[in-house]
Amino acid sequence: NPPNLVPTVFTWQGGGREVYLTGTFDNWKERIPLNMSEKDFAIIQNLPPGVYQYKFIVDGKWVHAPDQPVSTDVKGNLNNFIEIKTQGLREETLTSNLPQTPP
């Protein structure tokens, strides 16, 4: 069975005209276009649990987002990273839907 996929939001708030996402979740193969909203660019990717490094390509330049967690790869490049957990996300979703006080 394939692992459960977790809807994961990636956002870029640094401006630009064309913004793409790329990362270790597909071995840096694809440039996934982000959708522009009024205040930022965003996309939801369904990814299996794990730790991934990623970058944004903004108007042709590879950049990391300074407002998101950063790590250095083996070549010394700064990349953003994210840890995706299934269990924690489900628990938060379940508890946020519960009423605050008993009926």
Protein backbone atom coordinates (compact mmCIF):
# COMPACT_ATOMS: atom_id res chain seq x y z
CA ASN A 1 0.00 0.00 0.00
CA PRO A 2 1.31 3.50 -0.80
CA PRO A 3 1.65 5.78 2.24
CA ASN A 4 -1.13 8.22 3.02
CA LEU A 5 -0.74 11.47 1.15
CA VAL A 6 -1.02 14.70 3.13
CA PRO A 7 -2.33 17.90 1.51
CA THR A 8 0.55 20.35 2.06
CA VAL A 9 0.40 24.09 1.35
CA PHE A 10 3.46 25.88 -0.03
CA THR A 11 3.39 29.69 -0.17
CA TRP A 12 5.69 32.36 -1.57
CA GLN A 13 5.24 35.93 -0.31
CA GLY A 14 8.25 37.56 -1.96
CA GLY A 15 6.59 38.94 -5.08
CA GLY A 16 7.43 38.16 -8.69
CA ARG A 17 5.49 37.41 -11.85
CA GLU A 18 6.05 33.66 -12.26
CA VAL A 19 6.69 31.41 -9.26
CA TYR A 20 7.41 27.69 -9.33
CA LEU A 21 8.07 25.09 -6.63
CA THR A 22 10.71 22.38 -6.88
CA GLY A 23 12.11 19.99 -4.28
CA THR A 24 13.31 16.62 -3.09
CA PHE A 25 9.73 15.24 -3.06
CA ASP A 26 10.28 14.43 -6.77
CA ASN A 27 14.10 14.65 -6.81
CA TRP A 28 14.03 18.27 -8.12
CA LYS A 29 12.57 17.06 -11.45
CA GLU A 30 9.47 19.24 -11.85
CA ARG A 31 8.82 22.96 -11.78
CA ILE A 32 5.32 23.18 -10.30
CA PRO A 33 3.60 26.52 -10.99
CA LEU A 34 2.11 28.32 -7.99
CA ASN A 35 -1.22 30.13 -8.21
CA MET A 36 -1.19 33.89 -7.63
CA SER A 37 -3.66 35.36 -5.15
CA GLU A 38 -4.01 38.96 -3.99
CA LYS A 39 -1.22 38.71 -1.42
CA ASP A 40 0.98 35.74 -2.35
CA PHE A 41 1.54 32.66 -4.48
CA ALA A 42 0.42 29.24 -3.24
CA ILE A 43 -0.09 25.62 -4.18
CA ILE A 44 -1.30 22.50 -2.41
CA GLN A 45 0.72 19.34 -3.04
CA ASN A 46 -0.34 15.88 -1.85
CA LEU A 47 2.85 14.40 -0.38
CA PRO A 48 3.70 11.29 1.63
CA PRO A 49 4.98 11.85 5.19
CA GLY A 50 8.68 12.67 5.37
CA VAL A 51 11.22 15.50 5.41
CA TYR A 52 11.68 17.40 2.16
CA GLN A 53 13.90 20.22 0.95
CA TYR A 54 12.44 22.67 -1.55
CA LYS A 55 13.06 25.97 -3.30
CA PHE A 56 11.10 28.47 -5.29
CA ILE A 57 11.94 29.62 -8.80
CA VAL A 58 10.87 33.24 -9.03
CA ASP A 59 11.11 34.87 -12.46
CA GLY A 60 13.85 32.38 -13.38
CA LYS A 61 15.91 32.69 -10.15
CA TRP A 62 16.23 29.86 -7.62
CA VAL A 63 15.53 31.27 -4.16
CA HIS A 64 14.54 30.12 -0.68
CA ALA A 65 11.79 31.77 1.37
CA PRO A 66 13.30 33.65 4.33
CA ASP A 67 10.02 33.30 6.30
CA GLN A 68 10.15 29.47 6.23
CA PRO A 69 12.54 26.93 7.85
CA VAL A 70 15.94 26.79 6.11
CA SER A 71 18.64 24.12 5.98
CA THR A 72 21.90 23.71 4.08
CA ASP A 73 22.37 20.81 1.67
CA VAL A 74 25.64 18.87 1.18
CA LYS A 75 26.81 21.42 -1.42
CA GLY A 76 26.23 24.37 0.92
CA ASN A 77 23.06 25.62 -0.80
CA LEU A 78 20.34 27.13 1.37
CA ASN A 79 17.03 25.34 0.89
CA ASN A 80 13.72 25.49 2.69
CA PHE A 81 12.60 22.30 4.39
CA ILE A 82 9.37 20.85 5.68
CA GLU A 83 8.52 17.82 7.78
CA ILE A 84 5.18 16.27 6.90
CA LYS A 85 3.45 14.15 9.53
CA THR A 86 0.12 12.44 9.07
CA GLN A 87 -0.84 11.72 12.63
CA GLY A 88 -0.28 15.23 13.99
CA LEU A 89 -2.30 16.80 11.18
CA ARG A 90 -5.22 14.47 11.74
CA GLU A 91 -5.25 15.09 15.49
CA GLU A 92 -5.25 18.86 15.00
CA THR A 93 -8.06 18.59 12.47
CA LEU A 94 -10.15 16.43 14.77
CA THR A 95 -9.69 18.55 17.88
CA SER A 96 -10.31 21.83 16.07
CA ASN A 97 -13.74 20.59 15.01
CA LEU A 98 -14.82 19.71 18.54
CA PRO A 99 -16.97 22.18 20.49
CA GLN A 100 -15.10 24.06 23.22
CA THR A 101 -17.67 23.32 25.91
CA PRO A 102 -19.77 20.19 26.40
CA PRO A 103 -23.40 20.53 25.32
